[in-house]
Protein backbone atom coordinates (compact mmCIF):
# COMPACT_ATOMS: atom_id res chain seq x y z
CA MET A 1 21.78 -4.01 -0.67
CA LEU A 2 23.14 -7.17 0.28
CA THR A 3 25.93 -8.38 0.08
CA PHE A 4 27.12 -11.89 -1.63
CA SER A 5 27.89 -13.07 1.88
CA GLN A 6 24.55 -11.86 3.00
CA LEU A 7 23.15 -13.59 0.00
CA SER A 8 24.20 -17.04 0.78
CA GLU A 9 23.38 -15.83 4.77
CA LEU A 10 19.72 -15.63 4.00
CA THR A 11 19.12 -18.05 1.41
CA GLY A 12 21.62 -20.86 2.33
CA ALA A 13 23.38 -20.58 -1.08
CA THR A 14 26.68 -22.42 -1.45
CA LEU A 15 28.26 -19.69 -3.48
CA GLU A 16 30.65 -20.84 -6.64
CA PRO A 17 33.96 -19.19 -6.39
CA CYS A 18 33.30 -19.59 -2.32
CA ASP A 19 36.11 -16.39 -2.02
CA ILE A 20 34.58 -13.20 -4.27
CA GLN A 21 33.81 -10.18 -2.51
CA GLY A 22 31.05 -8.13 -4.00
CA SER A 23 27.11 -6.94 -3.30
CA ILE A 24 24.09 -6.54 -5.28
CA ALA A 25 21.16 -3.44 -4.91
CA LYS A 26 17.77 -5.73 -6.95
CA CYS A 27 16.23 -8.57 -8.13
CA ALA A 28 15.50 -9.00 -11.62
CA THR A 29 15.01 -11.45 -14.10
CA LEU A 30 17.76 -12.83 -16.54
CA ALA A 31 16.44 -10.98 -19.60
CA PHE A 32 16.95 -7.70 -18.17
CA ALA A 33 19.09 -8.56 -14.79
CA THR A 34 22.52 -6.37 -14.64
CA GLN A 35 25.74 -6.54 -13.63
CA SER A 36 23.94 -5.42 -10.05
CA ASP A 37 21.50 -7.36 -10.19
CA VAL A 38 20.66 -11.19 -9.05
CA SER A 39 18.49 -13.35 -10.64
CA PHE A 40 16.82 -16.33 -10.92
CA CYS A 41 16.66 -19.88 -13.51
CA VAL A 42 14.70 -22.65 -12.12
CA GLU A 43 13.89 -24.90 -15.25
CA LYS A 44 16.02 -26.25 -17.88
CA SER A 45 14.00 -24.68 -20.32
CA ALA A 46 15.49 -21.45 -18.60
CA TYR A 47 18.86 -22.56 -19.03
CA GLY A 48 19.74 -20.58 -22.50
CA ALA A 49 18.50 -17.03 -21.07
CA ALA A 50 21.41 -17.95 -18.20
CA ARG A 51 23.88 -18.62 -20.62
CA THR A 52 23.38 -14.66 -22.26
CA THR A 53 22.71 -12.67 -18.72
CA LYS A 54 24.34 -10.25 -17.44
CA ALA A 55 22.80 -10.58 -13.82
CA ALA A 56 25.95 -10.47 -10.91
CA VAL A 57 24.76 -13.66 -9.04
CA VAL A 58 22.14 -15.99 -10.36
CA PHE A 59 20.61 -18.48 -8.57
CA VAL A 60 20.70 -21.65 -10.02
CA PRO A 61 19.59 -26.01 -9.01
CA LYS A 62 22.08 -27.84 -7.07
CA ASP A 63 22.19 -29.87 -10.44
CA PHE A 64 23.03 -27.32 -12.88
CA SER A 65 25.97 -26.91 -15.04
CA GLY A 66 27.80 -24.67 -16.81
CA TRP A 67 28.22 -21.34 -16.33
CA ALA A 68 25.37 -18.28 -16.27
CA GLY A 69 26.36 -15.27 -18.74
CA GLU A 70 28.58 -12.51 -17.81
CA ALA A 71 27.61 -13.85 -13.60
CA LYS A 72 30.17 -13.56 -11.24
CA VAL A 73 28.81 -15.87 -9.03
CA LEU A 74 26.67 -19.70 -9.38
CA ALA A 75 24.78 -19.49 -6.26
CA ARG A 76 23.02 -23.29 -6.02
CA VAL A 77 20.07 -23.86 -3.69
CA GLU A 78 17.03 -25.91 -3.51
CA SER A 79 14.82 -23.51 -5.03
CA PRO A 80 15.50 -20.88 -6.73
CA TYR A 81 12.69 -19.52 -7.06
CA LYS A 82 11.88 -19.31 -3.09
CA ALA A 83 16.13 -18.31 -2.87
CA ILE A 84 14.50 -14.72 -5.53
CA ILE A 85 11.39 -14.27 -3.11
CA GLU A 86 13.05 -14.10 -0.04
CA CYS A 87 15.51 -11.68 -2.14
CA ALA A 88 12.82 -9.43 -3.68
CA LYS A 89 11.29 -8.91 -0.29
CA ILE A 90 14.07 -7.16 0.84
CA LEU A 91 15.74 -5.53 -1.82
CA ASN A 92 12.24 -4.73 -4.34
CA LYS A 93 10.41 -3.45 -1.43
CA LYS A 94 10.41 0.25 -1.73
CA GLU A 95 9.35 3.39 -0.25
CA LEU A 96 5.90 4.42 -2.33
CA ALA A 97 6.67 8.52 -3.37
CA PRO A 98 3.14 10.07 -3.45
CA SER A 99 1.16 9.61 -6.60
CA LYS A 100 1.71 11.66 -9.57
CA ILE A 101 -1.86 12.68 -11.67
CA HIS A 102 -2.41 15.39 -14.32
CA PRO A 103 -4.01 17.92 -13.79
CA SER A 104 -6.49 16.90 -16.49
CA ALA A 105 -7.22 13.87 -15.73
CA HIS A 106 -10.55 13.42 -14.57
CA ILE A 107 -11.13 10.46 -11.69
CA SER A 108 -14.42 9.65 -11.04
CA PRO A 109 -15.75 8.97 -7.23
CA ASN A 110 -15.51 5.37 -5.50
CA CYS A 111 -12.34 4.82 -7.42
CA PHE A 112 -8.94 3.96 -5.73
CA VAL A 113 -5.84 5.19 -6.24
CA PRO A 114 -3.00 4.51 -3.61
CA ASP A 115 0.46 6.00 -3.16
CA GLY A 116 3.07 4.75 -5.87
CA VAL A 117 0.24 5.54 -9.55
CA GLU A 118 1.14 7.61 -12.03
CA ILE A 119 -1.46 9.26 -13.77
CA GLY A 120 -1.13 11.21 -17.50
CA GLU A 121 -3.23 13.32 -19.23
CA LYS A 122 -6.68 13.68 -19.79
CA CYS A 123 -6.56 10.12 -19.27
CA ILE A 124 -10.38 9.63 -17.40
CA LEU A 125 -10.95 6.72 -14.09
CA HIS A 126 -15.04 5.57 -14.44
CA CYS A 127 -16.71 5.01 -11.33
CA GLY A 128 -14.98 2.21 -9.01
CA VAL A 129 -11.39 1.36 -10.23
CA ASN A 130 -9.18 0.08 -8.15
CA LEU A 131 -5.37 0.92 -9.43
CA TYR A 132 -1.77 -1.26 -7.32
CA PRO A 133 1.10 0.73 -5.95
CA ASN A 134 3.47 0.49 -8.56
CA VAL A 135 1.52 1.18 -12.08
CA VAL A 136 1.42 3.75 -14.87
CA VAL A 137 -1.05 4.78 -16.68
CA GLY A 138 -0.28 6.69 -20.36
CA LYS A 139 -1.72 9.87 -21.15
CA GLY A 140 -5.57 9.35 -22.68
CA THR A 141 -6.14 6.17 -21.41
CA VAL A 142 -9.59 5.23 -20.48
CA LEU A 143 -10.28 2.82 -17.81
CA HIS A 144 -14.56 1.67 -17.59
CA SER A 145 -15.83 0.96 -13.67
CA GLY A 146 -14.77 -2.07 -12.51
CA VAL A 147 -11.77 -2.61 -13.54
CA VAL A 148 -8.54 -3.72 -11.62
CA ILE A 149 -4.47 -2.30 -12.88
CA GLY A 150 -1.50 -3.74 -10.59
CA SER A 151 -3.18 -6.69 -8.25
CA ARG A 152 -0.86 -9.05 -7.17
CA GLY A 153 -0.56 -12.24 -9.65
CA PHE A 154 -1.50 -15.86 -9.55
CA GLY A 155 1.26 -17.15 -8.00
CA PHE A 156 2.46 -19.42 -5.35
CA TYR A 157 5.05 -21.73 -3.67
CA ASP A 158 5.91 -23.66 -0.76
CA ASP A 159 2.96 -25.15 -0.21
CA LEU A 160 0.01 -22.68 -1.68
CA VAL A 161 2.62 -19.42 0.02
CA GLU A 162 1.57 -16.50 -1.89
CA VAL A 163 4.39 -15.45 -4.09
CA PRO A 164 4.43 -11.53 -3.63
CA HIS A 165 4.66 -9.27 -7.00
CA PHE A 166 7.13 -6.07 -6.31
CA GLY A 167 6.91 -5.14 -10.17
CA GLY A 168 3.76 -3.26 -11.11
CA VAL A 169 1.98 -2.32 -14.49
CA VAL A 170 2.89 -0.07 -17.27
CA ILE A 171 0.34 1.34 -19.26
CA GLY A 172 0.76 2.88 -22.83
CA GLU A 173 -1.07 6.17 -24.07
CA ASN A 174 -4.69 5.84 -25.53
CA CYS A 175 -5.57 2.60 -24.18
CA GLU A 176 -9.41 1.50 -23.45
CA ILE A 177 -9.76 -0.67 -20.89
CA GLY A 178 -12.70 -2.08 -20.54
CA PRO A 179 -15.21 -2.95 -17.29
CA ASN A 180 -14.10 -5.56 -14.66
CA SER A 181 -10.89 -6.20 -16.46
CA VAL A 182 -7.94 -7.22 -14.72
CA ILE A 183 -4.17 -6.48 -15.63
CA ALA A 184 -2.56 -8.25 -13.17
CA ALA A 185 0.77 -6.60 -11.52
CA GLY A 186 4.92 -8.36 -12.90
CA PHE A 187 7.22 -10.42 -9.57
CA LEU A 188 9.76 -8.17 -10.79
CA GLU A 189 9.48 -6.05 -13.98
CA ALA A 190 6.28 -4.56 -14.53
CA THR A 191 3.51 -6.45 -16.67
CA ARG A 192 3.39 -4.01 -19.67
CA LEU A 193 0.32 -3.01 -21.43
CA GLY A 194 1.40 -0.92 -25.56
CA ASN A 195 -0.39 2.23 -26.87
CA ASN A 196 -3.29 1.93 -28.43
CA CYS A 197 -4.75 -1.13 -26.96
CA LYS A 198 -7.99 -2.02 -27.52
CA LEU A 199 -9.51 -4.10 -24.20
CA ASP A 200 -13.58 -5.74 -23.99
CA SER A 201 -15.17 -5.95 -20.52
CA PHE A 202 -13.76 -9.45 -18.46
CA VAL A 203 -10.51 -9.21 -20.23
CA GLN A 204 -7.56 -10.57 -18.11
CA ILE A 205 -3.41 -9.83 -18.62
CA GLY A 206 -1.63 -11.96 -16.14
CA HIS A 207 1.43 -11.71 -14.09
CA ASN A 208 4.47 -10.48 -16.61
CA CYS A 209 3.40 -10.24 -19.75
CA ILE A 210 4.50 -7.90 -22.07
CA VAL A 211 1.64 -6.30 -24.61
CA GLY A 212 2.63 -4.64 -28.21
CA ASP A 213 0.87 -1.36 -29.55
CA ASN A 214 -2.93 -2.20 -31.01
CA ALA A 215 -3.65 -5.28 -29.38
CA VAL A 216 -7.32 -6.02 -29.25
CA PHE A 217 -8.23 -8.44 -26.51
CA CYS A 218 -12.97 -9.09 -27.04
CA SER A 219 -14.61 -9.70 -24.30
CA GLN A 220 -13.84 -13.08 -21.55
CA SER A 221 -10.57 -13.38 -23.51
CA GLY A 222 -7.14 -13.49 -21.68
CA LEU A 223 -3.06 -14.17 -21.37
CA ALA A 224 -1.77 -15.90 -18.28
CA GLY A 225 1.52 -15.38 -17.35
CA SER A 226 4.69 -14.36 -18.86
CA VAL A 227 3.15 -13.78 -22.13
CA ILE A 228 5.07 -11.84 -25.01
CA ALA A 229 2.07 -10.74 -27.61
CA GLU A 230 3.67 -8.34 -29.90
CA ASP A 231 1.62 -4.94 -32.41
CA ASN A 232 -1.35 -5.71 -33.82
CA ILE A 233 -2.86 -9.36 -32.08
CA THR A 234 -6.37 -9.98 -31.78
CA LEU A 235 -7.84 -12.18 -29.22
CA ALA A 236 -11.41 -12.88 -30.50
CA GLY A 237 -14.31 -13.54 -27.73
CA GLY A 238 -13.67 -15.88 -25.04
CA ALA A 239 -9.96 -17.06 -26.44
CA GLN A 240 -7.16 -17.98 -23.45
CA VAL A 241 -3.37 -18.04 -23.93
CA ALA A 242 -1.67 -20.00 -22.03
CA GLY A 243 1.68 -18.56 -20.06
CA HIS A 244 5.42 -18.38 -21.96
CA LEU A 245 3.93 -18.25 -24.97
CA THR A 246 4.89 -15.78 -27.72
CA LEU A 247 1.76 -14.25 -30.43
CA GLY A 248 3.49 -12.97 -32.80
CA LYS A 249 2.93 -9.42 -34.79
CA GLY A 250 -0.58 -8.96 -36.32
CA CYS A 251 -1.99 -12.90 -35.20
CA VAL A 252 -5.21 -13.14 -34.84
CA ILE A 253 -6.94 -15.72 -32.25
CA ALA A 254 -10.41 -16.76 -32.78
CA ALA A 255 -13.17 -16.77 -30.79
CA LYS A 256 -13.12 -19.42 -27.69
CA ALA A 257 -10.05 -20.59 -28.80
CA GLY A 258 -7.30 -22.18 -26.40
CA VAL A 259 -3.35 -21.63 -27.15
CA THR A 260 -0.82 -24.17 -26.13
CA LYS A 261 1.98 -23.60 -28.33
CA SER A 262 3.50 -19.74 -29.47
CA VAL A 263 1.70 -18.45 -32.61
CA LYS A 264 3.69 -16.56 -35.38
CA PRO A 265 2.80 -13.67 -36.91
CA GLY A 266 -0.22 -13.22 -38.74
CA ALA A 267 -0.78 -16.77 -38.50
CA LYS A 268 -5.11 -16.74 -37.58
CA VAL A 269 -5.56 -19.64 -34.99
CA ALA A 270 -9.13 -21.70 -33.86
CA GLY A 271 -10.09 -24.67 -31.96
CA PHE A 272 -8.18 -26.22 -28.01
CA PRO A 273 -5.65 -27.09 -28.88
CA ALA A 274 -5.08 -23.97 -31.27
CA VAL A 275 -4.55 -25.22 -35.29
CA PRO A 276 -4.24 -22.88 -38.15
CA ILE A 277 -7.59 -21.64 -39.10
CA GLU A 278 -7.77 -23.84 -42.62
CA GLU A 279 -6.64 -27.05 -40.73
CA TRP A 280 -8.98 -26.04 -37.87
CA ARG A 281 -12.16 -25.62 -40.31
CA LYS A 282 -11.49 -28.65 -42.70
CA ASN A 283 -11.63 -30.55 -39.43
CA PHE A 284 -15.07 -28.80 -38.02
CA VAL A 285 -16.55 -30.33 -41.63
CA ASN A 286 -14.67 -33.86 -41.81
CA CYS A 287 -16.12 -34.62 -37.92
CA THR A 288 -19.97 -33.24 -39.30
């Protein structure tokens, strides 16, 4: 717990109003924060989410105007991102419980399973799988050799200081993750992979991504951080998706495509930057 005054002392925040009393239990993103949490708003693109958050305290830039959802306090700082990191180092770091491994799970030699991990019924970990703390593997899931789950997300601040990631990873049931694929831990909440997802080799799922059920990722495809991928999406070989986008239900990303904008449900896109596949075919013909 941190009181509002301790929060101000830790981060140098100017609190509005300055005389209200209270405390916070943990750090959370705007969408997931509750009335006992502190959250943060970095860019104007997040101002909409800030208007509806339930967080008790929200770190905002000094020039932020208006109010933030149900917040009791606005905390104005130079860098909301740096402020939330400093708080998370205190509030979101937790003691790790001994790992919970179902008796029917099979863990091959040379796997690394630390404290703070849950492995479900009939899971299979092939040789050389590496799990980090705060990872949950749903029942029936298969992890092939070289898979890494829960490594730190690729985030930095203040001249490449590494951002700690506390959220871990939650993998659903009956998934299969191919050799040398990586799913990075979320910053404050878990990176999530739904049920019955199939990942080929060398697939990358960035921090904070939320992937629905029945997703298919062919080899060397990947999602940058904070992508929301709805159910039944397919990424063909080498397809890549930029961060903070939404892939609509049932969409298909063609091989080697580079997605720079959100994709509508059921759409098929190709090329770089990715466009509807019929448009890409016409452009290709016209160029040849």
